[in-house]
Amino acid sequence: MKTIAQQLNWDFEVNGNLEIRNKDWQLIYLELSNAFWAKWEYNSRGNQAYYQDSKGVIIDNRPKSCEGKMVEFDGVKYKLVKV
């Protein structure tokens, strides 16, 4: 799979590092000339929710699905399912 810089035929010598930012100017993608890349996702409050890089580091703070969990309401247990 090609990196974004490879897909764009990015010239690091001319353009420098490839940085992509969101509308709030937060860095969402970075690629360096040595082929290292990293990507970020942010939640609605602007806090980092996800990070992944080309070295295999993943930090995932995104909300997890409640599907399959049990809840009890008025003494009756219910299993949550995705609708």
N, C-alpha and C. Protein backbone atom coordinates (compact mmCIF):
# COMPACT_ATOMS: atom_id res chain seq x y z
N MET A 1 0.84 -1.17 0.00
CA MET A 1 0.00 0.00 0.00
C MET A 1 0.89 1.25 0.00
N LYS A 2 0.60 2.18 -0.85
CA LYS A 2 1.38 3.39 -0.96
C LYS A 2 1.00 4.39 0.14
N THR A 3 2.00 5.15 0.57
CA THR A 3 1.73 6.24 1.51
C THR A 3 1.09 7.39 0.74
N ILE A 4 0.57 8.36 1.48
CA ILE A 4 -0.04 9.52 0.82
C ILE A 4 0.99 10.26 -0.01
N ALA A 5 2.20 10.44 0.52
CA ALA A 5 3.25 11.13 -0.23
C ALA A 5 3.59 10.40 -1.52
N GLN A 6 3.62 9.08 -1.47
CA GLN A 6 3.88 8.29 -2.68
C GLN A 6 2.75 8.46 -3.69
N GLN A 7 1.52 8.49 -3.22
CA GLN A 7 0.38 8.67 -4.13
C GLN A 7 0.41 10.05 -4.78
N LEU A 8 0.89 11.05 -4.04
CA LEU A 8 0.95 12.41 -4.55
C LEU A 8 2.24 12.71 -5.31
N ASN A 9 3.16 11.75 -5.33
CA ASN A 9 4.51 11.99 -5.88
C ASN A 9 5.14 13.20 -5.20
N TRP A 10 5.04 13.25 -3.89
CA TRP A 10 5.52 14.36 -3.08
C TRP A 10 7.04 14.45 -3.16
N ASP A 11 7.56 15.62 -3.43
CA ASP A 11 9.00 15.85 -3.49
C ASP A 11 9.43 16.47 -2.17
N PHE A 12 10.03 15.66 -1.28
CA PHE A 12 10.42 16.12 0.04
C PHE A 12 11.52 17.18 -0.04
N GLU A 13 12.41 17.06 -1.02
CA GLU A 13 13.49 18.05 -1.14
C GLU A 13 12.93 19.43 -1.46
N VAL A 14 11.93 19.49 -2.30
CA VAL A 14 11.34 20.77 -2.70
C VAL A 14 10.31 21.25 -1.67
N ASN A 15 9.43 20.34 -1.21
CA ASN A 15 8.29 20.71 -0.38
C ASN A 15 8.49 20.52 1.12
N GLY A 16 9.48 19.77 1.52
CA GLY A 16 9.64 19.45 2.94
C GLY A 16 8.70 18.34 3.36
N ASN A 17 8.49 18.22 4.65
CA ASN A 17 7.61 17.17 5.17
C ASN A 17 6.18 17.40 4.72
N LEU A 18 5.44 16.31 4.56
CA LEU A 18 4.03 16.40 4.20
C LEU A 18 3.21 16.49 5.48
N GLU A 19 2.48 17.58 5.63
CA GLU A 19 1.59 17.76 6.78
C GLU A 19 0.19 18.04 6.27
N ILE A 20 -0.78 17.35 6.85
CA ILE A 20 -2.18 17.60 6.56
C ILE A 20 -2.86 17.95 7.87
N ARG A 21 -3.61 19.05 7.86
CA ARG A 21 -4.27 19.53 9.07
C ARG A 21 -5.77 19.64 8.83
N ASN A 22 -6.54 19.54 9.91
CA ASN A 22 -7.99 19.67 9.81
C ASN A 22 -8.38 21.15 9.86
N LYS A 23 -9.66 21.44 9.85
CA LYS A 23 -10.16 22.82 9.82
C LYS A 23 -9.78 23.59 11.07
N ASP A 24 -9.47 22.89 12.16
CA ASP A 24 -9.04 23.53 13.41
C ASP A 24 -7.52 23.64 13.50
N TRP A 25 -6.86 23.34 12.39
CA TRP A 25 -5.41 23.42 12.26
C TRP A 25 -4.67 22.37 13.09
N GLN A 26 -5.38 21.29 13.47
CA GLN A 26 -4.74 20.18 14.18
C GLN A 26 -4.11 19.25 13.16
N LEU A 27 -2.93 18.76 13.46
CA LEU A 27 -2.23 17.84 12.58
C LEU A 27 -2.97 16.51 12.54
N ILE A 28 -3.36 16.06 11.34
CA ILE A 28 -4.04 14.77 11.22
C ILE A 28 -3.20 13.75 10.45
N TYR A 29 -2.16 14.24 9.73
CA TYR A 29 -1.27 13.32 9.02
C TYR A 29 0.08 13.99 8.86
N LEU A 30 1.13 13.22 9.09
CA LEU A 30 2.50 13.69 8.92
C LEU A 30 3.29 12.59 8.24
N GLU A 31 4.06 12.96 7.24
CA GLU A 31 4.96 12.00 6.60
C GLU A 31 6.31 12.67 6.40
N LEU A 32 7.37 11.93 6.76
CA LEU A 32 8.73 12.42 6.64
C LEU A 32 9.43 11.76 5.46
N SER A 33 10.54 12.31 5.06
CA SER A 33 11.28 11.80 3.90
C SER A 33 11.81 10.39 4.11
N ASN A 34 11.96 9.96 5.36
CA ASN A 34 12.45 8.61 5.64
C ASN A 34 11.33 7.57 5.64
N ALA A 35 10.15 7.94 5.13
CA ALA A 35 8.96 7.09 5.00
C ALA A 35 8.20 6.90 6.30
N PHE A 36 8.62 7.54 7.38
CA PHE A 36 7.84 7.51 8.62
C PHE A 36 6.57 8.32 8.40
N TRP A 37 5.44 7.78 8.86
CA TRP A 37 4.18 8.52 8.80
C TRP A 37 3.43 8.32 10.12
N ALA A 38 2.55 9.27 10.41
CA ALA A 38 1.70 9.18 11.59
C ALA A 38 0.38 9.86 11.27
N LYS A 39 -0.69 9.36 11.89
CA LYS A 39 -1.99 9.98 11.70
C LYS A 39 -2.70 10.09 13.04
N TRP A 40 -3.53 11.12 13.14
CA TRP A 40 -4.27 11.43 14.35
C TRP A 40 -5.74 11.62 14.03
N GLU A 41 -6.59 11.31 15.02
CA GLU A 41 -8.01 11.64 14.96
C GLU A 41 -8.34 12.35 16.26
N TYR A 42 -9.28 13.28 16.19
CA TYR A 42 -9.67 14.07 17.36
C TYR A 42 -11.17 13.94 17.58
N ASN A 43 -11.60 14.03 18.84
CA ASN A 43 -13.03 13.97 19.12
C ASN A 43 -13.65 15.35 18.95
N SER A 44 -14.93 15.47 19.21
CA SER A 44 -15.65 16.73 18.99
C SER A 44 -15.18 17.85 19.91
N ARG A 45 -14.48 17.50 20.97
CA ARG A 45 -13.93 18.51 21.88
C ARG A 45 -12.50 18.91 21.50
N GLY A 46 -11.98 18.31 20.45
CA GLY A 46 -10.63 18.64 20.00
C GLY A 46 -9.53 17.85 20.68
N ASN A 47 -9.90 16.87 21.49
CA ASN A 47 -8.91 16.02 22.15
C ASN A 47 -8.53 14.85 21.27
N GLN A 48 -7.27 14.44 21.36
CA GLN A 48 -6.81 13.32 20.55
C GLN A 48 -7.55 12.05 20.95
N ALA A 49 -8.16 11.39 19.97
CA ALA A 49 -8.89 10.16 20.22
C ALA A 49 -8.17 8.94 19.66
N TYR A 50 -7.30 9.16 18.67
CA TYR A 50 -6.63 8.04 18.00
C TYR A 50 -5.29 8.50 17.45
N TYR A 51 -4.29 7.62 17.53
CA TYR A 51 -2.98 7.86 16.94
C TYR A 51 -2.47 6.54 16.38
N GLN A 52 -1.85 6.60 15.22
CA GLN A 52 -1.22 5.42 14.62
C GLN A 52 -0.02 5.90 13.82
N ASP A 53 1.07 5.09 13.85
CA ASP A 53 2.22 5.45 13.03
C ASP A 53 2.78 4.23 12.31
N SER A 54 3.74 4.51 11.44
CA SER A 54 4.30 3.46 10.59
C SER A 54 5.17 2.47 11.36
N LYS A 55 5.51 2.76 12.59
CA LYS A 55 6.28 1.83 13.43
C LYS A 55 5.37 0.84 14.14
N GLY A 56 4.06 0.99 13.98
CA GLY A 56 3.11 0.06 14.60
C GLY A 56 2.52 0.54 15.90
N VAL A 57 2.84 1.77 16.32
CA VAL A 57 2.27 2.31 17.55
C VAL A 57 0.82 2.72 17.29
N ILE A 58 -0.08 2.26 18.15
CA ILE A 58 -1.49 2.63 18.07
C ILE A 58 -1.96 3.01 19.46
N ILE A 59 -2.55 4.19 19.57
CA ILE A 59 -3.18 4.63 20.81
C ILE A 59 -4.63 4.93 20.46
N ASP A 60 -5.53 4.13 20.99
CA ASP A 60 -6.95 4.24 20.63
C ASP A 60 -7.78 4.60 21.84
N ASN A 61 -8.21 5.85 21.91
CA ASN A 61 -9.06 6.32 23.00
C ASN A 61 -10.48 6.62 22.52
N ARG A 62 -10.83 6.07 21.36
CA ARG A 62 -12.18 6.29 20.83
C ARG A 62 -13.19 5.51 21.68
N PRO A 63 -14.42 6.00 21.77
CA PRO A 63 -15.44 5.29 22.54
C PRO A 63 -15.66 3.89 21.98
N LYS A 64 -15.83 2.95 22.86
CA LYS A 64 -16.08 1.56 22.45
C LYS A 64 -17.58 1.29 22.37
N SER A 65 -17.94 0.40 21.51
CA SER A 65 -19.35 0.03 21.35
C SER A 65 -19.86 -0.68 22.60
N CYS A 66 -21.11 -0.46 22.91
CA CYS A 66 -21.74 -1.13 24.04
C CYS A 66 -22.42 -2.44 23.62
N GLU A 67 -22.36 -2.75 22.33
CA GLU A 67 -23.02 -3.95 21.83
C GLU A 67 -22.53 -5.18 22.58
N GLY A 68 -23.46 -6.02 22.97
CA GLY A 68 -23.14 -7.26 23.66
C GLY A 68 -23.09 -7.13 25.17
N LYS A 69 -23.08 -5.93 25.70
CA LYS A 69 -23.04 -5.74 27.14
C LYS A 69 -24.43 -5.92 27.73
N MET A 70 -24.44 -6.29 29.00
CA MET A 70 -25.70 -6.51 29.70
C MET A 70 -26.00 -5.31 30.60
N VAL A 71 -27.26 -4.93 30.62
CA VAL A 71 -27.73 -3.89 31.54
C VAL A 71 -28.93 -4.44 32.30
N GLU A 72 -29.15 -3.91 33.47
CA GLU A 72 -30.30 -4.35 34.27
C GLU A 72 -31.16 -3.14 34.56
N PHE A 73 -32.46 -3.28 34.31
CA PHE A 73 -33.41 -2.20 34.52
C PHE A 73 -34.63 -2.79 35.21
N ASP A 74 -34.94 -2.29 36.38
CA ASP A 74 -36.06 -2.79 37.18
C ASP A 74 -36.00 -4.30 37.37
N GLY A 75 -34.79 -4.80 37.61
CA GLY A 75 -34.61 -6.22 37.89
C GLY A 75 -34.60 -7.12 36.67
N VAL A 76 -34.75 -6.56 35.49
CA VAL A 76 -34.74 -7.35 34.25
C VAL A 76 -33.43 -7.07 33.52
N LYS A 77 -32.75 -8.14 33.09
CA LYS A 77 -31.48 -7.98 32.37
C LYS A 77 -31.74 -7.94 30.87
N TYR A 78 -31.04 -7.02 30.23
CA TYR A 78 -31.15 -6.83 28.77
C TYR A 78 -29.76 -6.89 28.16
N LYS A 79 -29.67 -7.50 27.00
CA LYS A 79 -28.43 -7.52 26.25
C LYS A 79 -28.53 -6.46 25.16
N LEU A 80 -27.53 -5.58 25.09
CA LEU A 80 -27.54 -4.51 24.11
C LEU A 80 -27.14 -5.05 22.74
N VAL A 81 -27.87 -4.63 21.73
CA VAL A 81 -27.57 -5.00 20.35
C VAL A 81 -27.53 -3.75 19.49
N LYS A 82 -26.75 -3.79 18.43
CA LYS A 82 -26.65 -2.67 17.51
C LYS A 82 -27.89 -2.63 16.62
N VAL A 83 -28.45 -1.45 16.48
CA VAL A 83 -29.66 -1.29 15.67
C VAL A 83 -29.30 -0.76 14.31
